Amino acid sequence: MKFIERVEQLQKENEGSIVIIKNGIFFIGVGKDAIILNRILGLKLTCMKPELCKVGFLVKNVEKYIKLLTEEGKSFVIYIKNEKDEIEELYRYKGENIQEAECCLECENCKNKEETEKDILERVRNLGK
């Protein structure tokens, strides 16, 4: 199962909670969870793939973000991959259920959106106008 598919499965299993999962040296939130984390904590949105936002913070800062999320009173759950390469729940906080449907904010205007050749050529066409 691909990483993003696993994240989507965890989001379905934890409806009403923000899902945060360790990926390398970061904990990340994807889609609707990224939007919420951006809104309540100011974490910077980037593109995971077209029309799918993500946010992240360094693993070393996880306790700081647990404290901030707990203070916000929103339900969240944090996952890691254990030594057996299985997804394991690391921490859960039961607070107010979250309500978010958007997985992306203004993807067309995203500064991190990968520019296509068509976009570049159109920009060059408009230089002399």
C-alpha atoms as a PDB file:
ATOM      1  CA  MET A   1       0.000   0.000   0.000  1.00  0.00           C
ATOM      2  CA  LYS A   2       1.341   3.429  -0.973  1.00  0.00           C
ATOM      3  CA  PHE A   3       1.965   5.989   1.737  1.00  0.00           C
ATOM      4  CA  ILE A   4      -0.844   8.308   0.657  1.00  0.00           C
ATOM      5  CA  GLU A   5      -3.298   5.385   0.488  1.00  0.00           C
ATOM      6  CA  ARG A   6      -2.370   4.431   4.054  1.00  0.00           C
ATOM      7  CA  VAL A   7      -2.882   8.023   5.201  1.00  0.00           C
ATOM      8  CA  GLU A   8      -6.313   8.137   3.544  1.00  0.00           C
ATOM      9  CA  GLN A   9      -7.237   4.857   5.255  1.00  0.00           C
ATOM     10  CA  LEU A  10      -6.168   6.240   8.640  1.00  0.00           C
ATOM     11  CA  GLN A  11      -8.214   9.384   7.997  1.00  0.00           C
ATOM     12  CA  LYS A  12     -11.318   7.265   7.346  1.00  0.00           C
ATOM     13  CA  GLU A  13     -10.680   5.185  10.482  1.00  0.00           C
ATOM     14  CA  ASN A  14     -10.262   8.373  12.543  1.00  0.00           C
ATOM     15  CA  GLU A  15     -13.064  10.534  11.171  1.00  0.00           C
ATOM     16  CA  GLY A  16     -13.375  13.684  13.249  1.00  0.00           C
ATOM     17  CA  SER A  17      -9.695  13.644  14.260  1.00  0.00           C
ATOM     18  CA  ILE A  18      -6.624  15.190  12.702  1.00  0.00           C
ATOM     19  CA  VAL A  19      -4.283  12.427  11.513  1.00  0.00           C
ATOM     20  CA  ILE A  20      -0.553  13.108  11.772  1.00  0.00           C
ATOM     21  CA  ILE A  21       1.945  10.502  10.622  1.00  0.00           C
ATOM     22  CA  LYS A  22       5.732  10.256  10.765  1.00  0.00           C
ATOM     23  CA  ASN A  23       7.426  10.351   7.381  1.00  0.00           C
ATOM     24  CA  GLY A  24      11.220  10.428   7.605  1.00  0.00           C
ATOM     25  CA  ILE A  25      12.330  13.189   9.967  1.00  0.00           C
ATOM     26  CA  PHE A  26       8.932  14.897   9.804  1.00  0.00           C
ATOM     27  CA  PHE A  27       5.448  14.396  11.134  1.00  0.00           C
ATOM     28  CA  ILE A  28       3.032  15.389   8.385  1.00  0.00           C
ATOM     29  CA  GLY A  29      -0.635  16.106   7.908  1.00  0.00           C
ATOM     30  CA  VAL A  30      -2.171  15.571   4.471  1.00  0.00           C
ATOM     31  CA  GLY A  31      -5.248  16.944   2.724  1.00  0.00           C
ATOM     32  CA  LYS A  32      -7.990  18.100   5.093  1.00  0.00           C
ATOM     33  CA  ASP A  33      -5.659  17.608   8.053  1.00  0.00           C
ATOM     34  CA  ALA A  34      -3.055  19.857   6.421  1.00  0.00           C
ATOM     35  CA  ILE A  35      -5.669  22.574   5.895  1.00  0.00           C
ATOM     36  CA  ILE A  36      -6.711  22.436   9.555  1.00  0.00           C
ATOM     37  CA  LEU A  37      -3.118  22.398  10.838  1.00  0.00           C
ATOM     38  CA  ASN A  38      -2.363  25.390   8.638  1.00  0.00           C
ATOM     39  CA  ARG A  39      -5.377  27.290   9.965  1.00  0.00           C
ATOM     40  CA  ILE A  40      -4.932  26.578  13.671  1.00  0.00           C
ATOM     41  CA  LEU A  41      -1.132  26.363  13.957  1.00  0.00           C
ATOM     42  CA  GLY A  42       0.072  28.352  10.955  1.00  0.00           C
ATOM     43  CA  LEU A  43       2.084  25.468   9.508  1.00  0.00           C
ATOM     44  CA  LYS A  44       3.117  26.187   5.906  1.00  0.00           C
ATOM     45  CA  LEU A  45       1.134  24.406   3.206  1.00  0.00           C
ATOM     46  CA  THR A  46       3.026  22.711   0.378  1.00  0.00           C
ATOM     47  CA  CYS A  47       1.891  20.440  -2.427  1.00  0.00           C
ATOM     48  CA  MET A  48       2.149  16.699  -1.886  1.00  0.00           C
ATOM     49  CA  LYS A  49       0.746  16.153  -5.360  1.00  0.00           C
ATOM     50  CA  PRO A  50      -1.637  18.170  -7.529  1.00  0.00           C
ATOM     51  CA  GLU A  51      -4.679  19.201  -5.507  1.00  0.00           C
ATOM     52  CA  LEU A  52      -3.404  17.655  -2.277  1.00  0.00           C
ATOM     53  CA  CYS A  53      -1.796  19.861   0.382  1.00  0.00           C
ATOM     54  CA  LYS A  54       0.537  18.780   3.160  1.00  0.00           C
ATOM     55  CA  VAL A  55       2.150  20.377   6.205  1.00  0.00           C
ATOM     56  CA  GLY A  56       4.893  19.104   8.440  1.00  0.00           C
ATOM     57  CA  PHE A  57       7.075  19.651  11.456  1.00  0.00           C
ATOM     58  CA  LEU A  58      10.302  18.047  12.610  1.00  0.00           C
ATOM     59  CA  VAL A  59      10.082  14.948  14.784  1.00  0.00           C
ATOM     60  CA  LYS A  60      12.167  16.701  17.433  1.00  0.00           C
ATOM     61  CA  ASN A  61       9.328  19.243  17.847  1.00  0.00           C
ATOM     62  CA  VAL A  62       6.505  16.725  18.322  1.00  0.00           C
ATOM     63  CA  GLU A  63       5.951  17.530  22.018  1.00  0.00           C
ATOM     64  CA  LYS A  64       5.605  21.236  21.201  1.00  0.00           C
ATOM     65  CA  TYR A  65       2.900  20.481  18.631  1.00  0.00           C
ATOM     66  CA  ILE A  66       1.116  18.017  20.916  1.00  0.00           C
ATOM     67  CA  LYS A  67       0.901  20.814  23.497  1.00  0.00           C
ATOM     68  CA  LEU A  68      -0.340  23.366  20.940  1.00  0.00           C
ATOM     69  CA  LEU A  69      -2.959  20.993  19.509  1.00  0.00           C
ATOM     70  CA  THR A  70      -4.142  20.026  22.978  1.00  0.00           C
ATOM     71  CA  GLU A  71      -4.514  23.711  23.872  1.00  0.00           C
ATOM     72  CA  GLU A  72      -6.639  24.151  20.708  1.00  0.00           C
ATOM     73  CA  GLY A  73      -8.876  21.344  21.970  1.00  0.00           C
ATOM     74  CA  LYS A  74      -9.075  19.534  18.616  1.00  0.00           C
ATOM     75  CA  SER A  75      -9.085  15.730  18.380  1.00  0.00           C
ATOM     76  CA  PHE A  76      -5.914  14.311  16.861  1.00  0.00           C
ATOM     77  CA  VAL A  77      -3.951  11.107  16.573  1.00  0.00           C
ATOM     78  CA  ILE A  78      -0.257  10.624  15.797  1.00  0.00           C
ATOM     79  CA  TYR A  79       1.099   7.537  14.038  1.00  0.00           C
ATOM     80  CA  ILE A  80       4.567   6.099  13.421  1.00  0.00           C
ATOM     81  CA  LYS A  81       5.960   3.029  11.674  1.00  0.00           C
ATOM     82  CA  ASN A  82       7.354   0.615  14.254  1.00  0.00           C
ATOM     83  CA  GLU A  83      10.375  -1.715  13.954  1.00  0.00           C
ATOM     84  CA  LYS A  84       8.183  -4.284  12.169  1.00  0.00           C
ATOM     85  CA  ASP A  85       7.272  -1.649   9.539  1.00  0.00           C
ATOM     86  CA  GLU A  86       3.696  -1.570  10.860  1.00  0.00           C
ATOM     87  CA  ILE A  87       1.713   1.619  11.461  1.00  0.00           C
ATOM     88  CA  GLU A  88       1.371   2.156  15.204  1.00  0.00           C
ATOM     89  CA  GLU A  89      -0.567   4.748  17.174  1.00  0.00           C
ATOM     90  CA  LEU A  90       1.867   6.885  19.165  1.00  0.00           C
ATOM     91  CA  TYR A  91      -0.468   9.412  20.787  1.00  0.00           C
ATOM     92  CA  ARG A  92      -4.185  10.256  20.790  1.00  0.00           C
ATOM     93  CA  TYR A  93      -6.056  13.258  22.146  1.00  0.00           C
ATOM     94  CA  LYS A  94      -9.843  13.271  22.240  1.00  0.00           C
ATOM     95  CA  GLY A  95     -11.166  16.781  21.986  1.00  0.00           C
ATOM     96  CA  GLU A  96     -13.540  18.584  19.683  1.00  0.00           C
ATOM     97  CA  ASN A  97     -14.204  16.775  16.404  1.00  0.00           C
ATOM     98  CA  ILE A  98     -12.867  18.534  13.345  1.00  0.00           C
ATOM     99  CA  GLN A  99     -15.010  19.453  10.372  1.00  0.00           C
ATOM    100  CA  GLU A 100     -13.130  19.952   7.122  1.00  0.00           C
ATOM    101  CA  ALA A 101     -13.830  18.753   3.606  1.00  0.00           C
ATOM    102  CA  GLU A 102     -11.210  20.555   1.518  1.00  0.00           C
ATOM    103  CA  CYS A 103      -7.988  18.710   0.694  1.00  0.00           C
ATOM    104  CA  CYS A 104      -6.399  21.670  -1.030  1.00  0.00           C
ATOM    105  CA  LEU A 105      -6.527  25.437  -0.861  1.00  0.00           C
ATOM    106  CA  GLU A 106      -6.294  27.296  -4.144  1.00  0.00           C
ATOM    107  CA  CYS A 107      -4.060  24.716  -5.801  1.00  0.00           C
ATOM    108  CA  GLU A 108      -3.996  26.742  -9.024  1.00  0.00           C
ATOM    109  CA  ASN A 109      -2.432  29.659  -7.145  1.00  0.00           C
ATOM    110  CA  CYS A 110      -0.069  27.569  -4.989  1.00  0.00           C
ATOM    111  CA  LYS A 111       3.477  28.914  -4.992  1.00  0.00           C
ATOM    112  CA  ASN A 112       4.733  25.345  -4.649  1.00  0.00           C
ATOM    113  CA  LYS A 113       2.781  24.054  -7.647  1.00  0.00           C
ATOM    114  CA  GLU A 114       5.098  22.551 -10.202  1.00  0.00           C
ATOM    115  CA  GLU A 115       5.185  24.738 -13.257  1.00  0.00           C
ATOM    116  CA  THR A 116       4.408  22.994 -16.543  1.00  0.00           C
ATOM    117  CA  GLU A 117       6.070  23.697 -19.862  1.00  0.00           C
ATOM    118  CA  LYS A 118       2.782  25.227 -21.030  1.00  0.00           C
ATOM    119  CA  ASP A 119       2.823  27.605 -18.026  1.00  0.00           C
ATOM    120  CA  ILE A 120       6.391  28.691 -18.817  1.00  0.00           C
ATOM    121  CA  LEU A 121       5.674  29.303 -22.503  1.00  0.00           C
ATOM    122  CA  GLU A 122       2.535  31.292 -21.667  1.00  0.00           C
ATOM    123  CA  ARG A 123       4.489  33.430 -19.195  1.00  0.00           C
ATOM    124  CA  VAL A 124       7.152  34.127 -21.838  1.00  0.00           C
ATOM    125  CA  ARG A 125       4.453  35.051 -24.405  1.00  0.00           C
ATOM    126  CA  ASN A 126       3.152  37.644 -21.979  1.00  0.00           C
ATOM    127  CA  LEU A 127       6.555  39.223 -21.222  1.00  0.00           C
ATOM    128  CA  GLY A 128       6.387  41.724 -24.083  1.00  0.00           C
ATOM    129  CA  LYS A 129       2.751  42.682 -23.619  1.00  0.00           C
END
